[in-house]
């Protein structure tokens, strides 16, 4: 005859279920917690200067003639747009038309409205955007101004 087990089927099932439940539940909560720190960086680029390019060429300047407008565009060598607030013009030099005509200077000219407001983003590229507003005029001094015949007025521009 067979010897009867100390545990009934029901008890065995309950015991096995309890072991599996504990093993599974233990696995569900068996993890490590930790703390730590980290670092990272982000680089900020820089930009190159935007250049004002004069496109208007005042001609026929003579004593007392009407003021002529200076205007132009920009060369922006950057990868993206650059904000331009103003362009400021100044007379850089006056080169006389002949070696003997040395009396023509910046004082013979009036540069009006030299600070021109742009207030815009200028796209990357050549011949982009626009500026205008300054004027150049040869003054009529009432005296002989032959030294200014064929003179070349050179401007400087500051872009901000």
C-alpha atoms as a PDB file:
ATOM      1  CA  UNK A   1       0.000   0.000   0.000  1.00  0.00           C
ATOM      2  CA  UNK A   2       0.992   3.397  -0.678  1.00  0.00           C
ATOM      3  CA  UNK A   3       1.896   5.748   2.040  1.00  0.00           C
ATOM      4  CA  UNK A   4      -0.107   8.842   2.090  1.00  0.00           C
ATOM      5  CA  UNK A   5       1.686  12.211   1.823  1.00  0.00           C
ATOM      6  CA  UNK A   6       1.645  14.584   4.755  1.00  0.00           C
ATOM      7  CA  UNK A   7       0.462  17.369   2.483  1.00  0.00           C
ATOM      8  CA  UNK A   8      -2.752  17.416   0.605  1.00  0.00           C
ATOM      9  CA  UNK A   9      -2.996  18.489  -2.980  1.00  0.00           C
ATOM     10  CA  UNK A  10      -4.595  21.713  -1.935  1.00  0.00           C
ATOM     11  CA  UNK A  11      -1.804  22.476   0.520  1.00  0.00           C
ATOM     12  CA  UNK A  12       0.831  21.697  -2.092  1.00  0.00           C
ATOM     13  CA  UNK A  13      -0.789  24.009  -4.629  1.00  0.00           C
ATOM     14  CA  UNK A  14      -1.018  26.793  -2.051  1.00  0.00           C
ATOM     15  CA  UNK A  15       2.613  26.297  -1.040  1.00  0.00           C
ATOM     16  CA  UNK A  16       3.886  26.302  -4.623  1.00  0.00           C
ATOM     17  CA  UNK A  17       1.757  29.374  -5.410  1.00  0.00           C
ATOM     18  CA  UNK A  18       3.119  31.183  -2.381  1.00  0.00           C
ATOM     19  CA  UNK A  19       6.737  30.366  -3.374  1.00  0.00           C
ATOM     20  CA  UNK A  20       6.141  31.571  -6.927  1.00  0.00           C
ATOM     21  CA  UNK A  21       4.393  34.698  -5.701  1.00  0.00           C
ATOM     22  CA  UNK A  22       7.225  35.532  -3.336  1.00  0.00           C
ATOM     23  CA  UNK A  23       9.845  34.837  -5.987  1.00  0.00           C
ATOM     24  CA  UNK A  24       8.008  36.948  -8.574  1.00  0.00           C
ATOM     25  CA  UNK A  25       7.233  39.723  -6.126  1.00  0.00           C
ATOM     26  CA  UNK A  26      10.817  39.771  -4.978  1.00  0.00           C
ATOM     27  CA  UNK A  27      11.979  40.146  -8.575  1.00  0.00           C
ATOM     28  CA  UNK A  28       9.608  43.027  -9.089  1.00  0.00           C
ATOM     29  CA  UNK A  29      11.170  44.945  -6.199  1.00  0.00           C
ATOM     30  CA  UNK A  30      14.759  43.816  -6.627  1.00  0.00           C
ATOM     31  CA  UNK A  31      16.516  46.914  -8.087  1.00  0.00           C
ATOM     32  CA  UNK A  32      19.186  49.361  -7.040  1.00  0.00           C
ATOM     33  CA  UNK A  33      18.648  53.030  -6.409  1.00  0.00           C
ATOM     34  CA  UNK A  34      21.399  55.533  -6.921  1.00  0.00           C
ATOM     35  CA  UNK A  35      22.205  59.217  -7.112  1.00  0.00           C
ATOM     36  CA  UNK A  36      24.664  61.121  -9.247  1.00  0.00           C
ATOM     37  CA  UNK A  37      25.475  64.251 -11.166  1.00  0.00           C
ATOM     38  CA  UNK A  38      26.361  65.179 -14.738  1.00  0.00           C
ATOM     39  CA  UNK A  39      27.528  68.057 -16.872  1.00  0.00           C
ATOM     40  CA  UNK A  40      27.079  69.209 -20.437  1.00  0.00           C
ATOM     41  CA  UNK A  41      27.981  72.130 -22.673  1.00  0.00           C
ATOM     42  CA  UNK A  42      26.557  74.081 -25.578  1.00  0.00           C
ATOM     43  CA  UNK A  43      28.815  76.219 -27.736  1.00  0.00           C
ATOM     44  CA  UNK A  44      27.760  79.670 -28.854  1.00  0.00           C
ATOM     45  CA  UNK A  45      29.231  80.772 -32.143  1.00  0.00           C
ATOM     46  CA  UNK A  46      30.475  84.170 -33.147  1.00  0.00           C
ATOM     47  CA  UNK A  47      29.917  86.247 -36.220  1.00  0.00           C
ATOM     48  CA  UNK A  48      31.956  88.142 -38.734  1.00  0.00           C
ATOM     49  CA  UNK A  49      31.542  91.815 -39.484  1.00  0.00           C
ATOM     50  CA  UNK A  50      28.940  92.887 -42.010  1.00  0.00           C
ATOM     51  CA  UNK A  51      30.258  95.278 -44.670  1.00  0.00           C
ATOM     52  CA  UNK A  52      28.345  98.251 -46.058  1.00  0.00           C
ATOM     53  CA  UNK A  53      28.769  98.506 -49.839  1.00  0.00           C
ATOM     54  CA  UNK A  54      28.006 101.825 -51.498  1.00  0.00           C
ATOM     55  CA  UNK A  55      26.014 101.311 -54.690  1.00  0.00           C
ATOM     56  CA  UNK A  56      25.126 104.906 -55.519  1.00  0.00           C
ATOM     57  CA  UNK A  57      27.793 106.963 -57.224  1.00  0.00           C
ATOM     58  CA  UNK A  58      27.187 110.684 -56.787  1.00  0.00           C
ATOM     59  CA  UNK A  59      28.272 112.410 -59.988  1.00  0.00           C
ATOM     60  CA  UNK A  60      28.093 115.929 -61.283  1.00  0.00           C
ATOM     61  CA  UNK A  61      29.005 117.469 -57.950  1.00  0.00           C
ATOM     62  CA  UNK A  62      29.887 121.110 -58.335  1.00  0.00           C
ATOM     63  CA  UNK A  63      29.652 124.170 -56.112  1.00  0.00           C
ATOM     64  CA  UNK A  64      26.053 124.744 -55.098  1.00  0.00           C
ATOM     65  CA  UNK A  65      24.556 121.685 -56.858  1.00  0.00           C
ATOM     66  CA  UNK A  66      21.779 119.744 -55.123  1.00  0.00           C
ATOM     67  CA  UNK A  67      22.699 117.192 -52.485  1.00  0.00           C
ATOM     68  CA  UNK A  68      23.101 113.645 -53.779  1.00  0.00           C
ATOM     69  CA  UNK A  69      21.979 110.563 -51.893  1.00  0.00           C
ATOM     70  CA  UNK A  70      24.319 107.855 -50.689  1.00  0.00           C
ATOM     71  CA  UNK A  71      22.867 104.344 -50.639  1.00  0.00           C
ATOM     72  CA  UNK A  72      23.943 100.759 -50.774  1.00  0.00           C
ATOM     73  CA  UNK A  73      23.573  97.215 -49.560  1.00  0.00           C
ATOM     74  CA  UNK A  74      25.561  94.744 -47.468  1.00  0.00           C
ATOM     75  CA  UNK A  75      27.894  91.822 -47.655  1.00  0.00           C
ATOM     76  CA  UNK A  76      27.077  89.450 -44.801  1.00  0.00           C
ATOM     77  CA  UNK A  77      29.671  86.615 -44.667  1.00  0.00           C
ATOM     78  CA  UNK A  78      27.893  84.832 -41.806  1.00  0.00           C
ATOM     79  CA  UNK A  79      25.953  81.579 -42.093  1.00  0.00           C
ATOM     80  CA  UNK A  80      22.745  83.309 -41.048  1.00  0.00           C
ATOM     81  CA  UNK A  81      21.190  86.749 -40.788  1.00  0.00           C
ATOM     82  CA  UNK A  82      22.822  89.552 -38.799  1.00  0.00           C
ATOM     83  CA  UNK A  83      20.967  92.472 -37.235  1.00  0.00           C
ATOM     84  CA  UNK A  84      22.059  95.916 -38.458  1.00  0.00           C
ATOM     85  CA  UNK A  85      20.860  98.879 -36.425  1.00  0.00           C
ATOM     86  CA  UNK A  86      22.590 101.722 -38.275  1.00  0.00           C
ATOM     87  CA  UNK A  87      25.102 102.617 -40.950  1.00  0.00           C
ATOM     88  CA  UNK A  88      27.102 105.772 -40.299  1.00  0.00           C
ATOM     89  CA  UNK A  89      28.903 107.541 -43.139  1.00  0.00           C
ATOM     90  CA  UNK A  90      31.875 109.864 -42.894  1.00  0.00           C
ATOM     91  CA  UNK A  91      34.185 111.516 -45.389  1.00  0.00           C
ATOM     92  CA  UNK A  92      37.401 109.539 -45.201  1.00  0.00           C
ATOM     93  CA  UNK A  93      39.455 111.581 -47.634  1.00  0.00           C
ATOM     94  CA  UNK A  94      39.352 113.886 -50.624  1.00  0.00           C
ATOM     95  CA  UNK A  95      41.851 113.198 -53.385  1.00  0.00           C
ATOM     96  CA  UNK A  96      42.416 116.186 -55.661  1.00  0.00           C
ATOM     97  CA  UNK A  97      41.960 115.691 -59.401  1.00  0.00           C
ATOM     98  CA  UNK A  98      45.521 116.814 -60.203  1.00  0.00           C
ATOM     99  CA  UNK A  99      48.856 116.931 -58.439  1.00  0.00           C
ATOM    100  CA  UNK A 100      48.799 120.728 -58.420  1.00  0.00           C
ATOM    101  CA  UNK A 101      45.251 121.030 -57.057  1.00  0.00           C
ATOM    102  CA  UNK A 102      45.890 120.538 -53.349  1.00  0.00           C
ATOM    103  CA  UNK A 103      43.314 122.909 -51.894  1.00  0.00           C
ATOM    104  CA  UNK A 104      40.263 120.623 -52.035  1.00  0.00           C
ATOM    105  CA  UNK A 105      39.398 119.075 -48.647  1.00  0.00           C
ATOM    106  CA  UNK A 106      36.469 117.555 -46.777  1.00  0.00           C
ATOM    107  CA  UNK A 107      35.605 121.118 -45.678  1.00  0.00           C
ATOM    108  CA  UNK A 108      34.434 121.776 -49.265  1.00  0.00           C
ATOM    109  CA  UNK A 109      31.584 119.275 -48.819  1.00  0.00           C
ATOM    110  CA  UNK A 110      28.560 118.840 -46.581  1.00  0.00           C
ATOM    111  CA  UNK A 111      27.654 115.334 -45.484  1.00  0.00           C
ATOM    112  CA  UNK A 112      24.087 115.434 -44.129  1.00  0.00           C
ATOM    113  CA  UNK A 113      22.236 112.720 -42.203  1.00  0.00           C
ATOM    114  CA  UNK A 114      25.342 110.556 -41.830  1.00  0.00           C
ATOM    115  CA  UNK A 115      23.672 108.123 -39.395  1.00  0.00           C
ATOM    116  CA  UNK A 116      21.183 106.029 -41.338  1.00  0.00           C
ATOM    117  CA  UNK A 117      18.762 103.755 -39.510  1.00  0.00           C
ATOM    118  CA  UNK A 118      18.455 100.231 -40.905  1.00  0.00           C
ATOM    119  CA  UNK A 119      16.904  98.378 -37.946  1.00  0.00           C
ATOM    120  CA  UNK A 120      16.620  95.018 -39.701  1.00  0.00           C
ATOM    121  CA  UNK A 121      18.069  91.548 -40.031  1.00  0.00           C
ATOM    122  CA  UNK A 122      20.318  91.315 -43.064  1.00  0.00           C
ATOM    123  CA  UNK A 123      20.338  87.912 -44.762  1.00  0.00           C
ATOM    124  CA  UNK A 124      23.584  86.056 -45.314  1.00  0.00           C
ATOM    125  CA  UNK A 125      25.142  86.746 -48.697  1.00  0.00           C
ATOM    126  CA  UNK A 126      26.377  89.440 -51.040  1.00  0.00           C
ATOM    127  CA  UNK A 127      24.346  92.473 -52.161  1.00  0.00           C
ATOM    128  CA  UNK A 128      21.679  91.881 -49.506  1.00  0.00           C
ATOM    129  CA  UNK A 129      19.586  94.341 -47.526  1.00  0.00           C
ATOM    130  CA  UNK A 130      19.712  98.084 -48.065  1.00  0.00           C
ATOM    131  CA  UNK A 131      20.708 101.355 -46.486  1.00  0.00           C
ATOM    132  CA  UNK A 132      20.154 104.935 -47.636  1.00  0.00           C
ATOM    133  CA  UNK A 133      19.579 108.457 -46.387  1.00  0.00           C
ATOM    134  CA  UNK A 134      22.881 110.313 -46.109  1.00  0.00           C
ATOM    135  CA  UNK A 135      23.566 113.011 -48.685  1.00  0.00           C
ATOM    136  CA  UNK A 136      26.727 114.653 -49.998  1.00  0.00           C
ATOM    137  CA  UNK A 137      26.849 118.169 -51.434  1.00  0.00           C
ATOM    138  CA  UNK A 138      29.689 120.391 -52.583  1.00  0.00           C
ATOM    139  CA  UNK A 139      29.554 123.721 -50.777  1.00  0.00           C
ATOM    140  CA  UNK A 140      29.473 126.916 -52.812  1.00  0.00           C
ATOM    141  CA  UNK A 141      32.067 128.954 -50.921  1.00  0.00           C
ATOM    142  CA  UNK A 142      31.781 132.005 -53.196  1.00  0.00           C
ATOM    143  CA  UNK A 143      35.484 131.737 -53.995  1.00  0.00           C
ATOM    144  CA  UNK A 144      37.470 129.916 -56.680  1.00  0.00           C
ATOM    145  CA  UNK A 145      37.101 126.166 -56.092  1.00  0.00           C
ATOM    146  CA  UNK A 146      39.037 124.928 -59.117  1.00  0.00           C
ATOM    147  CA  UNK A 147      41.132 122.719 -56.821  1.00  0.00           C
ATOM    148  CA  UNK A 148      38.073 120.480 -56.416  1.00  0.00           C
ATOM    149  CA  UNK A 149      37.683 119.785 -60.142  1.00  0.00           C
ATOM    150  CA  UNK A 150      37.842 116.010 -60.710  1.00  0.00           C
ATOM    151  CA  UNK A 151      38.390 115.400 -56.989  1.00  0.00           C
ATOM    152  CA  UNK A 152      37.468 112.009 -55.563  1.00  0.00           C
ATOM    153  CA  UNK A 153      35.591 111.938 -52.243  1.00  0.00           C
ATOM    154  CA  UNK A 154      36.105 108.657 -50.359  1.00  0.00           C
ATOM    155  CA  UNK A 155      33.639 107.608 -47.662  1.00  0.00           C
ATOM    156  CA  UNK A 156      33.966 105.308 -44.684  1.00  0.00           C
ATOM    157  CA  UNK A 157      31.004 103.407 -43.310  1.00  0.00           C
ATOM    158  CA  UNK A 158      30.498 101.983 -39.838  1.00  0.00           C
ATOM    159  CA  UNK A 159      27.892  99.227 -39.496  1.00  0.00           C
ATOM    160  CA  UNK A 160      26.391  98.713 -36.044  1.00  0.00           C
END
